[in-house]
C-alpha atoms as a PDB file:
ATOM      1  CA  UNK A   1      87.528 144.341  69.807  1.00  0.00           C
ATOM      2  CA  UNK A   2      89.743 146.397  72.124  1.00  0.00           C
ATOM      3  CA  UNK A   3      87.589 145.319  75.069  1.00  0.00           C
ATOM      4  CA  UNK A   4      87.922 141.674  74.075  1.00  0.00           C
ATOM      5  CA  UNK A   5      91.689 142.017  73.920  1.00  0.00           C
ATOM      6  CA  UNK A   6      91.691 143.727  77.289  1.00  0.00           C
ATOM      7  CA  UNK A   7      89.552 140.967  78.820  1.00  0.00           C
ATOM      8  CA  UNK A   8      91.887 138.316  77.416  1.00  0.00           C
ATOM      9  CA  UNK A   9      94.916 140.110  78.826  1.00  0.00           C
ATOM     10  CA  UNK A  10      93.232 140.428  82.216  1.00  0.00           C
ATOM     11  CA  UNK A  11      92.392 136.734  82.147  1.00  0.00           C
ATOM     12  CA  UNK A  12      95.993 135.856  81.345  1.00  0.00           C
ATOM     13  CA  UNK A  13      97.204 138.072  84.196  1.00  0.00           C
ATOM     14  CA  UNK A  14      94.847 136.357  86.638  1.00  0.00           C
ATOM     15  CA  UNK A  15      95.921 132.933  85.393  1.00  0.00           C
ATOM     16  CA  UNK A  16      99.595 133.833  85.771  1.00  0.00           C
ATOM     17  CA  UNK A  17      99.028 135.224  89.261  1.00  0.00           C
ATOM     18  CA  UNK A  18      97.213 132.038  90.280  1.00  0.00           C
ATOM     19  CA  UNK A  19     100.025 129.911  88.873  1.00  0.00           C
ATOM     20  CA  UNK A  20     102.642 132.032  90.605  1.00  0.00           C
ATOM     21  CA  UNK A  21     100.748 131.783  93.899  1.00  0.00           C
ATOM     22  CA  UNK A  22     100.497 127.989  93.574  1.00  0.00           C
ATOM     23  CA  UNK A  23     104.239 127.750  92.866  1.00  0.00           C
ATOM     24  CA  UNK A  24     105.027 129.855  95.933  1.00  0.00           C
ATOM     25  CA  UNK A  25     102.747 127.674  98.060  1.00  0.00           C
ATOM     26  CA  UNK A  26     104.445 124.496  96.845  1.00  0.00           C
ATOM     27  CA  UNK A  27     107.869 126.039  97.502  1.00  0.00           C
ATOM     28  CA  UNK A  28     106.839 126.772 101.083  1.00  0.00           C
ATOM     29  CA  UNK A  29     105.540 123.226 101.576  1.00  0.00           C
ATOM     30  CA  UNK A  30     108.709 121.712 100.089  1.00  0.00           C
ATOM     31  CA  UNK A  31     110.729 123.866 102.487  1.00  0.00           C
ATOM     32  CA  UNK A  32     108.559 122.739 105.420  1.00  0.00           C
ATOM     33  CA  UNK A  33     109.219 119.072 104.626  1.00  0.00           C
ATOM     34  CA  UNK A  34     112.951 119.734 104.276  1.00  0.00           C
ATOM     35  CA  UNK A  35     112.874 121.487 107.655  1.00  0.00           C
ATOM     36  CA  UNK A  36     111.147 118.482 109.229  1.00  0.00           C
ATOM     37  CA  UNK A  37     113.976 116.304 107.922  1.00  0.00           C
ATOM     38  CA  UNK A  38     116.852 118.634 108.745  1.00  0.00           C
ATOM     39  CA  UNK A  39     115.678 120.302 111.967  1.00  0.00           C
ATOM     40  CA  UNK A  40     113.118 117.953 113.472  1.00  0.00           C
ATOM     41  CA  UNK A  41     109.455 118.872 113.907  1.00  0.00           C
ATOM     42  CA  UNK A  42     109.821 120.531 117.298  1.00  0.00           C
ATOM     43  CA  UNK A  43     112.446 122.946 115.952  1.00  0.00           C
ATOM     44  CA  UNK A  44     110.434 124.059 112.939  1.00  0.00           C
ATOM     45  CA  UNK A  45     108.940 127.555 112.963  1.00  0.00           C
ATOM     46  CA  UNK A  46     107.122 129.501 110.270  1.00  0.00           C
ATOM     47  CA  UNK A  47     110.045 131.946 110.180  1.00  0.00           C
ATOM     48  CA  UNK A  48     112.542 129.138 109.514  1.00  0.00           C
ATOM     49  CA  UNK A  49     110.316 127.676 106.804  1.00  0.00           C
ATOM     50  CA  UNK A  50     109.908 131.085 105.165  1.00  0.00           C
ATOM     51  CA  UNK A  51     113.684 131.559 105.197  1.00  0.00           C
ATOM     52  CA  UNK A  52     114.277 128.092 103.715  1.00  0.00           C
ATOM     53  CA  UNK A  53     111.666 128.765 101.019  1.00  0.00           C
ATOM     54  CA  UNK A  54     113.130 132.176 100.221  1.00  0.00           C
ATOM     55  CA  UNK A  55     109.828 134.000 100.731  1.00  0.00           C
ATOM     56  CA  UNK A  56     108.926 137.043 102.802  1.00  0.00           C
ATOM     57  CA  UNK A  57     107.046 136.860 106.088  1.00  0.00           C
ATOM     58  CA  UNK A  58     104.132 138.544 104.308  1.00  0.00           C
ATOM     59  CA  UNK A  59     104.035 135.838 101.640  1.00  0.00           C
ATOM     60  CA  UNK A  60     104.147 133.155 104.312  1.00  0.00           C
ATOM     61  CA  UNK A  61     101.267 134.735 106.239  1.00  0.00           C
ATOM     62  CA  UNK A  62      99.266 135.139 103.028  1.00  0.00           C
ATOM     63  CA  UNK A  63      99.393 131.411 102.345  1.00  0.00           C
ATOM     64  CA  UNK A  64      99.531 130.128 105.928  1.00  0.00           C
ATOM     65  CA  UNK A  65      98.359 132.597 108.598  1.00  0.00           C
ATOM     66  CA  UNK A  66      99.288 130.180 111.405  1.00  0.00           C
ATOM     67  CA  UNK A  67     101.688 127.321 112.074  1.00  0.00           C
ATOM     68  CA  UNK A  68      98.717 124.976 112.459  1.00  0.00           C
ATOM     69  CA  UNK A  69      97.545 125.744 108.922  1.00  0.00           C
ATOM     70  CA  UNK A  70     101.098 125.275 107.626  1.00  0.00           C
ATOM     71  CA  UNK A  71     101.449 121.881 109.345  1.00  0.00           C
ATOM     72  CA  UNK A  72      98.033 120.735 108.115  1.00  0.00           C
ATOM     73  CA  UNK A  73      98.896 121.641 104.523  1.00  0.00           C
ATOM     74  CA  UNK A  74     102.425 120.205 104.814  1.00  0.00           C
ATOM     75  CA  UNK A  75     101.101 116.848 106.056  1.00  0.00           C
ATOM     76  CA  UNK A  76      98.600 116.662 103.198  1.00  0.00           C
ATOM     77  CA  UNK A  77     101.325 117.649 100.722  1.00  0.00           C
ATOM     78  CA  UNK A  78     103.703 115.070 102.174  1.00  0.00           C
ATOM     79  CA  UNK A  79     100.962 112.443 102.055  1.00  0.00           C
ATOM     80  CA  UNK A  80     100.466 113.055  98.333  1.00  0.00           C
ATOM     81  CA  UNK A  81     104.196 112.874  97.684  1.00  0.00           C
ATOM     82  CA  UNK A  82     104.417 109.631  99.651  1.00  0.00           C
ATOM     83  CA  UNK A  83     101.659 108.122  97.535  1.00  0.00           C
ATOM     84  CA  UNK A  84     103.387 109.204  94.339  1.00  0.00           C
ATOM     85  CA  UNK A  85     106.774 107.942  95.543  1.00  0.00           C
ATOM     86  CA  UNK A  86     105.456 104.520  96.551  1.00  0.00           C
ATOM     87  CA  UNK A  87     103.332 104.173  93.410  1.00  0.00           C
ATOM     88  CA  UNK A  88     106.206 105.105  91.109  1.00  0.00           C
ATOM     89  CA  UNK A  89     108.465 102.497  92.723  1.00  0.00           C
ATOM     90  CA  UNK A  90     105.817  99.807  92.309  1.00  0.00           C
ATOM     91  CA  UNK A  91     105.229 100.791  88.677  1.00  0.00           C
ATOM     92  CA  UNK A  92     108.945 100.318  87.961  1.00  0.00           C
ATOM     93  CA  UNK A  93     108.711  96.595  88.715  1.00  0.00           C
ATOM     94  CA  UNK A  94     109.149  94.927  85.296  1.00  0.00           C
ATOM     95  CA  UNK A  95     106.018  93.354  83.849  1.00  0.00           C
ATOM     96  CA  UNK A  96     108.174  90.342  83.031  1.00  0.00           C
ATOM     97  CA  UNK A  97     108.699  89.671  86.760  1.00  0.00           C
ATOM     98  CA  UNK A  98     106.216  86.992  87.754  1.00  0.00           C
ATOM     99  CA  UNK A  99     105.352  84.981  90.847  1.00  0.00           C
ATOM    100  CA  UNK A 100     108.005  84.892  93.544  1.00  0.00           C
ATOM    101  CA  UNK A 101     110.276  87.302  91.649  1.00  0.00           C
ATOM    102  CA  UNK A 102     107.523  89.891  91.435  1.00  0.00           C
ATOM    103  CA  UNK A 103     106.683  89.510  95.102  1.00  0.00           C
ATOM    104  CA  UNK A 104     110.337  89.962  96.065  1.00  0.00           C
ATOM    105  CA  UNK A 105     110.556  93.025  93.822  1.00  0.00           C
ATOM    106  CA  UNK A 106     107.575  94.435  95.739  1.00  0.00           C
ATOM    107  CA  UNK A 107     109.443  93.986  99.032  1.00  0.00           C
ATOM    108  CA  UNK A 108     112.511  95.734  97.606  1.00  0.00           C
ATOM    109  CA  UNK A 109     110.381  98.614  96.297  1.00  0.00           C
ATOM    110  CA  UNK A 110     108.792  99.059  99.711  1.00  0.00           C
ATOM    111  CA  UNK A 111     112.219  99.072 101.382  1.00  0.00           C
ATOM    112  CA  UNK A 112     113.496 101.757  99.007  1.00  0.00           C
ATOM    113  CA  UNK A 113     110.432 103.830  99.841  1.00  0.00           C
ATOM    114  CA  UNK A 114     110.902 103.362 103.590  1.00  0.00           C
ATOM    115  CA  UNK A 115     114.529 104.498 103.472  1.00  0.00           C
ATOM    116  CA  UNK A 116     113.851 107.626 101.411  1.00  0.00           C
ATOM    117  CA  UNK A 117     113.759 111.206 102.721  1.00  0.00           C
ATOM    118  CA  UNK A 118     109.965 111.453 102.450  1.00  0.00           C
ATOM    119  CA  UNK A 119     109.362 108.580 104.856  1.00  0.00           C
ATOM    120  CA  UNK A 120     112.020 110.018 107.165  1.00  0.00           C
ATOM    121  CA  UNK A 121     110.015 113.238 107.325  1.00  0.00           C
ATOM    122  CA  UNK A 122     106.803 111.308 107.902  1.00  0.00           C
ATOM    123  CA  UNK A 123     108.355 109.296 110.718  1.00  0.00           C
ATOM    124  CA  UNK A 124     109.625 112.502 112.321  1.00  0.00           C
ATOM    125  CA  UNK A 125     106.052 113.806 112.358  1.00  0.00           C
ATOM    126  CA  UNK A 126     104.701 110.543 113.794  1.00  0.00           C
ATOM    127  CA  UNK A 127     107.182 110.703 116.675  1.00  0.00           C
ATOM    128  CA  UNK A 128     106.218 114.312 117.390  1.00  0.00           C
ATOM    129  CA  UNK A 129     102.541 113.383 117.180  1.00  0.00           C
ATOM    130  CA  UNK A 130     102.854 111.179 120.265  1.00  0.00           C
ATOM    131  CA  UNK A 131     102.883 114.277 122.479  1.00  0.00           C
ATOM    132  CA  UNK A 132     101.127 116.745 120.164  1.00  0.00           C
ATOM    133  CA  UNK A 133      97.392 116.029 120.099  1.00  0.00           C
ATOM    134  CA  UNK A 134      96.710 118.432 117.243  1.00  0.00           C
ATOM    135  CA  UNK A 135      99.415 116.909 115.026  1.00  0.00           C
ATOM    136  CA  UNK A 136      98.310 113.390 115.958  1.00  0.00           C
ATOM    137  CA  UNK A 137      94.785 114.121 114.752  1.00  0.00           C
ATOM    138  CA  UNK A 138      96.089 115.520 111.458  1.00  0.00           C
ATOM    139  CA  UNK A 139      98.279 112.450 110.923  1.00  0.00           C
ATOM    140  CA  UNK A 140      95.599 109.865 111.715  1.00  0.00           C
ATOM    141  CA  UNK A 141      93.460 110.705 108.689  1.00  0.00           C
ATOM    142  CA  UNK A 142      96.512 110.856 106.427  1.00  0.00           C
ATOM    143  CA  UNK A 143      97.690 107.473 107.702  1.00  0.00           C
ATOM    144  CA  UNK A 144      94.306 105.850 107.074  1.00  0.00           C
ATOM    145  CA  UNK A 145      94.301 107.032 103.471  1.00  0.00           C
ATOM    146  CA  UNK A 146      97.872 105.902 102.868  1.00  0.00           C
ATOM    147  CA  UNK A 147      97.257 102.469 104.408  1.00  0.00           C
ATOM    148  CA  UNK A 148      94.292 102.053 102.089  1.00  0.00           C
ATOM    149  CA  UNK A 149      96.470 102.924  99.098  1.00  0.00           C
ATOM    150  CA  UNK A 150      99.154 100.427 100.152  1.00  0.00           C
ATOM    151  CA  UNK A 151      96.491  97.743 100.665  1.00  0.00           C
ATOM    152  CA  UNK A 152      95.230  98.310  97.130  1.00  0.00           C
ATOM    153  CA  UNK A 153      98.774  98.124  95.743  1.00  0.00           C
ATOM    154  CA  UNK A 154      99.441  94.909  97.670  1.00  0.00           C
ATOM    155  CA  UNK A 155      96.278  93.396  96.234  1.00  0.00           C
ATOM    156  CA  UNK A 156      97.810  93.884  92.792  1.00  0.00           C
ATOM    157  CA  UNK A 157     101.347  92.839  93.714  1.00  0.00           C
ATOM    158  CA  UNK A 158     100.195  89.721  95.571  1.00  0.00           C
ATOM    159  CA  UNK A 159      96.991  89.055  93.636  1.00  0.00           C
ATOM    160  CA  UNK A 160      97.437  85.292  93.803  1.00  0.00           C
ATOM    161  CA  UNK A 161      97.189  85.497  97.614  1.00  0.00           C
ATOM    162  CA  UNK A 162      94.148  87.771  97.820  1.00  0.00           C
ATOM    163  CA  UNK A 163      91.700  84.949  98.444  1.00  0.00           C
ATOM    164  CA  UNK A 164      93.511  83.733 101.572  1.00  0.00           C
ATOM    165  CA  UNK A 165      91.520  85.992 103.870  1.00  0.00           C
ATOM    166  CA  UNK A 166      92.999  86.593 107.309  1.00  0.00           C
ATOM    167  CA  UNK A 167      96.215  84.820 106.363  1.00  0.00           C
ATOM    168  CA  UNK A 168      96.847  87.474 103.720  1.00  0.00           C
ATOM    169  CA  UNK A 169      96.194  90.327 106.174  1.00  0.00           C
ATOM    170  CA  UNK A 170      98.590  88.863 108.749  1.00  0.00           C
ATOM    171  CA  UNK A 171     101.277  88.434 106.089  1.00  0.00           C
ATOM    172  CA  UNK A 172     100.892  92.061 105.021  1.00  0.00           C
ATOM    173  CA  UNK A 173     101.018  93.291 108.644  1.00  0.00           C
ATOM    174  CA  UNK A 174     104.130  91.205 109.263  1.00  0.00           C
ATOM    175  CA  UNK A 175     105.754  92.836 106.239  1.00  0.00           C
ATOM    176  CA  UNK A 176     104.705  96.368 107.198  1.00  0.00           C
ATOM    177  CA  UNK A 177     105.730  96.297 110.853  1.00  0.00           C
ATOM    178  CA  UNK A 178     108.941  94.354 110.351  1.00  0.00           C
ATOM    179  CA  UNK A 179     110.154  96.583 107.527  1.00  0.00           C
ATOM    180  CA  UNK A 180     109.097  99.876 109.095  1.00  0.00           C
ATOM    181  CA  UNK A 181     110.804  98.847 112.331  1.00  0.00           C
ATOM    182  CA  UNK A 182     113.978  98.039 110.412  1.00  0.00           C
ATOM    183  CA  UNK A 183     113.821 101.369 108.589  1.00  0.00           C
ATOM    184  CA  UNK A 184     113.696 103.452 111.764  1.00  0.00           C
ATOM    185  CA  UNK A 185     115.762 101.125 113.947  1.00  0.00           C
ATOM    186  CA  UNK A 186     119.314 101.936 114.951  1.00  0.00           C
ATOM    187  CA  UNK A 187     121.202  99.219 113.110  1.00  0.00           C
ATOM    188  CA  UNK A 188     124.729 100.611 113.222  1.00  0.00           C
ATOM    189  CA  UNK A 189     126.991  97.611 112.568  1.00  0.00           C
ATOM    190  CA  UNK A 190     126.924  95.563 109.359  1.00  0.00           C
ATOM    191  CA  UNK A 191     123.676  97.311 108.436  1.00  0.00           C
ATOM    192  CA  UNK A 192     123.547  96.364 104.742  1.00  0.00           C
ATOM    193  CA  UNK A 193     124.325  92.710 105.434  1.00  0.00           C
ATOM    194  CA  UNK A 194     121.803  92.434 108.259  1.00  0.00           C
ATOM    195  CA  UNK A 195     119.061  94.233 106.337  1.00  0.00           C
ATOM    196  CA  UNK A 196     119.551  92.011 103.282  1.00  0.00           C
ATOM    197  CA  UNK A 197     119.421  88.913 105.479  1.00  0.00           C
ATOM    198  CA  UNK A 198     116.140  90.028 107.055  1.00  0.00           C
ATOM    199  CA  UNK A 199     114.559  90.936 103.717  1.00  0.00           C
ATOM    200  CA  UNK A 200     115.636  87.572 102.291  1.00  0.00           C
ATOM    201  CA  UNK A 201     114.137  85.841 105.306  1.00  0.00           C
ATOM    202  CA  UNK A 202     110.910  87.854 105.051  1.00  0.00           C
ATOM    203  CA  UNK A 203     110.538  86.989 101.360  1.00  0.00           C
ATOM    204  CA  UNK A 204     110.975  83.284 102.090  1.00  0.00           C
ATOM    205  CA  UNK A 205     108.679  83.431 105.119  1.00  0.00           C
ATOM    206  CA  UNK A 206     105.894  85.011 103.090  1.00  0.00           C
ATOM    207  CA  UNK A 207     106.109  82.191 100.575  1.00  0.00           C
ATOM    208  CA  UNK A 208     105.940  79.655 103.415  1.00  0.00           C
ATOM    209  CA  UNK A 209     102.952  81.334 105.061  1.00  0.00           C
ATOM    210  CA  UNK A 210     100.728  80.462 102.128  1.00  0.00           C
ATOM    211  CA  UNK A 211     101.985  76.895 101.965  1.00  0.00           C
ATOM    212  CA  UNK A 212     101.638  76.018 105.658  1.00  0.00           C
ATOM    213  CA  UNK A 213      98.824  73.807 106.843  1.00  0.00           C
ATOM    214  CA  UNK A 214      96.334  74.879 109.483  1.00  0.00           C
ATOM    215  CA  UNK A 215      98.439  73.255 112.206  1.00  0.00           C
ATOM    216  CA  UNK A 216     101.240  75.775 111.617  1.00  0.00           C
ATOM    217  CA  UNK A 217     101.567  79.076 113.471  1.00  0.00           C
ATOM    218  CA  UNK A 218      99.933  81.131 110.725  1.00  0.00           C
ATOM    219  CA  UNK A 219      96.989  78.734 110.605  1.00  0.00           C
ATOM    220  CA  UNK A 220      96.480  78.931 114.354  1.00  0.00           C
ATOM    221  CA  UNK A 221      96.643  82.706 114.529  1.00  0.00           C
ATOM    222  CA  UNK A 222      94.547  83.418 111.450  1.00  0.00           C
ATOM    223  CA  UNK A 223      91.896  80.970 112.662  1.00  0.00           C
ATOM    224  CA  UNK A 224      91.482  83.032 115.854  1.00  0.00           C
ATOM    225  CA  UNK A 225      90.338  86.003 113.803  1.00  0.00           C
ATOM    226  CA  UNK A 226      87.950  84.262 111.420  1.00  0.00           C
END
């Protein structure tokens, strides 16, 4: 009986240590993302991340022996948070919103996601990845997985347009590149007014895309890719 109690206590200790280690790891990764946002990728060091996380150098090295391993884990962690952030915004769209209202709510949810701190951190990494081959490789796989997740979400949000083939894909690319460009662009004067005007225009243009005949621009360009 005493041995059984001792084994149970040992098991609890191991479980607590594992939980504590996981919490420390997450704290380090949260600090890394905050450093990307506040300092910029090129200014981030393991020492600065450890300081921001409030952990010792030894604890940092235990979890991430090198900066490369820290960046790899931070990108994967950020990727998961991005997925959760985007998904939660989409889930908040009321079930009562139908048709054009639901589609517009999807655009607004995507804009809120693009202007949040998590996407800011992701964009910072993408910019740095242009001249950092190792970071670029890490980001490419993450980006593929996220794009797939967004495509699946769009198939649900715009289900009535799914059977439009290439026309649907062009409409989704138009939305992605226009909105991401707006999110990272330097719009300094009348920003709110100009952004609203562009989102209103985009929403209307998407509706028109699926009503245009083949002689329209969308028909001509989608036909080229069939």
